[in-house]
C-alpha atoms as a PDB file:
ATOM      1  CA  MET A   1      -0.258  -0.045  -0.369  1.00  0.00           C
ATOM      2  CA  ALA A   2       1.291   3.190  -0.906  1.00  0.00           C
ATOM      3  CA  LYS A   3       2.048   5.793   1.611  1.00  0.00           C
ATOM      4  CA  SER A   4       0.372   8.633   2.214  1.00  0.00           C
ATOM      5  CA  SER A   5       2.191  12.349   2.561  1.00  0.00           C
ATOM      6  CA  LYS A   6       0.649  15.151   4.640  1.00  0.00           C
ATOM      7  CA  SER A   7       3.619  17.624   3.197  1.00  0.00           C
ATOM      8  CA  ALA A   8       1.921  16.455  -0.869  1.00  0.00           C
ATOM      9  CA  ARG A   9      -1.236  17.619  -0.138  1.00  0.00           C
ATOM     10  CA  LYS A  10      -1.966  21.403  -0.948  1.00  0.00           C
ATOM     11  CA  THR A  11      -5.036  23.679  -0.010  1.00  0.00           C
ATOM     12  CA  ALA A  12      -7.418  25.223  -2.710  1.00  0.00           C
ATOM     13  CA  VAL A  13      -6.492  28.691  -3.206  1.00  0.00           C
ATOM     14  CA  ARG A  14      -8.931  31.192  -3.794  1.00  0.00           C
ATOM     15  CA  TYR A  15      -8.786  33.767  -6.114  1.00  0.00           C
ATOM     16  CA  VAL A  16     -10.787  37.259  -6.414  1.00  0.00           C
ATOM     17  CA  LEU A  17     -11.495  38.962  -9.820  1.00  0.00           C
ATOM     18  CA  GLY A  18     -11.244  42.634  -9.737  1.00  0.00           C
ATOM     19  CA  ASP A  19     -13.757  44.210 -12.909  1.00  0.00           C
ATOM     20  CA  GLU A  20     -11.049  44.585 -15.004  1.00  0.00           C
ATOM     21  CA  ASN A  21      -9.705  41.395 -14.636  1.00  0.00           C
ATOM     22  CA  PHE A  22     -13.180  39.537 -14.930  1.00  0.00           C
ATOM     23  CA  ALA A  23     -13.717  41.617 -18.358  1.00  0.00           C
ATOM     24  CA  ALA A  24     -10.175  40.448 -20.146  1.00  0.00           C
ATOM     25  CA  ILE A  25     -11.067  36.922 -19.113  1.00  0.00           C
ATOM     26  CA  THR A  26     -14.368  37.045 -20.956  1.00  0.00           C
ATOM     27  CA  ALA A  27     -13.013  39.097 -23.813  1.00  0.00           C
ATOM     28  CA  VAL A  28     -10.947  36.149 -24.529  1.00  0.00           C
ATOM     29  CA  GLU A  29     -14.137  33.859 -23.750  1.00  0.00           C
ATOM     30  CA  GLY A  30     -15.900  35.994 -26.792  1.00  0.00           C
ATOM     31  CA  LEU A  31     -17.910  36.974 -23.969  1.00  0.00           C
ATOM     32  CA  LYS A  32     -19.891  41.380 -23.949  1.00  0.00           C
ATOM     33  CA  LEU A  33     -22.012  42.480 -21.377  1.00  0.00           C
ATOM     34  CA  SER A  34     -24.779  44.399 -22.277  1.00  0.00           C
ATOM     35  CA  ALA A  35     -25.418  47.811 -21.699  1.00  0.00           C
ATOM     36  CA  GLU A  36     -28.038  47.125 -18.405  1.00  0.00           C
ATOM     37  CA  GLY A  37     -24.960  44.727 -17.565  1.00  0.00           C
ATOM     38  CA  GLU A  38     -22.447  47.481 -17.478  1.00  0.00           C
ATOM     39  CA  LYS A  39     -24.678  49.345 -15.414  1.00  0.00           C
ATOM     40  CA  ARG A  40     -25.618  46.469 -12.713  1.00  0.00           C
ATOM     41  CA  LEU A  41     -22.011  46.508 -12.593  1.00  0.00           C
ATOM     42  CA  LYS A  42     -21.428  50.062 -11.773  1.00  0.00           C
ATOM     43  CA  ARG A  43     -24.371  50.162  -9.409  1.00  0.00           C
ATOM     44  CA  ALA A  44     -22.852  47.098  -7.880  1.00  0.00           C
ATOM     45  CA  ARG A  45     -19.657  48.513  -6.978  1.00  0.00           C
ATOM     46  CA  SER A  46     -20.798  50.734  -3.927  1.00  0.00           C
ATOM     47  CA  MET A  47     -23.485  48.273  -2.863  1.00  0.00           C
ATOM     48  CA  SER A  48     -22.771  45.535   0.377  1.00  0.00           C
ATOM     49  CA  PRO A  49     -21.841  41.969  -0.680  1.00  0.00           C
ATOM     50  CA  ALA A  50     -24.959  40.753   0.519  1.00  0.00           C
ATOM     51  CA  LYS A  51     -27.026  43.182  -1.745  1.00  0.00           C
ATOM     52  CA  ARG A  52     -24.603  42.568  -4.582  1.00  0.00           C
ATOM     53  CA  ARG A  53     -25.852  39.488  -4.396  1.00  0.00           C
ATOM     54  CA  ALA A  54     -29.446  40.026  -4.309  1.00  0.00           C
ATOM     55  CA  ALA A  55     -29.273  42.374  -7.133  1.00  0.00           C
ATOM     56  CA  THR A  56     -27.295  39.639  -8.985  1.00  0.00           C
ATOM     57  CA  ILE A  57     -30.077  37.345  -8.842  1.00  0.00           C
ATOM     58  CA  ALA A  58     -32.865  39.426  -9.203  1.00  0.00           C
ATOM     59  CA  ALA A  59     -31.380  40.104 -12.873  1.00  0.00           C
ATOM     60  CA  TYR A  60     -30.748  36.108 -13.698  1.00  0.00           C
ATOM     61  CA  LYS A  61     -34.412  35.595 -12.541  1.00  0.00           C
ATOM     62  CA  SER A  62     -35.834  38.808 -14.473  1.00  0.00           C
ATOM     63  CA  ALA A  63     -33.845  37.220 -17.400  1.00  0.00           C
ATOM     64  CA  ARG A  64     -35.217  33.950 -17.102  1.00  0.00           C
ATOM     65  CA  GLY A  65     -38.463  35.092 -17.013  1.00  0.00           C
ATOM     66  CA  ARG A  66     -39.313  33.939 -13.696  1.00  0.00           C
END
């Protein structure tokens, strides 16, 4: 049986992307935000994380007709 080494395990590293990095990645993938999405992103900068999530969920639901 192979030995398991604790030093070989790596923990997951999380990264938070800013607006510019996110825009660069989506541009490479060929995606572009709509004018409404751009406005929502600008408004979200001043919101708390909870309000930002709520706005994102509301936008998703309205886009899906829910």
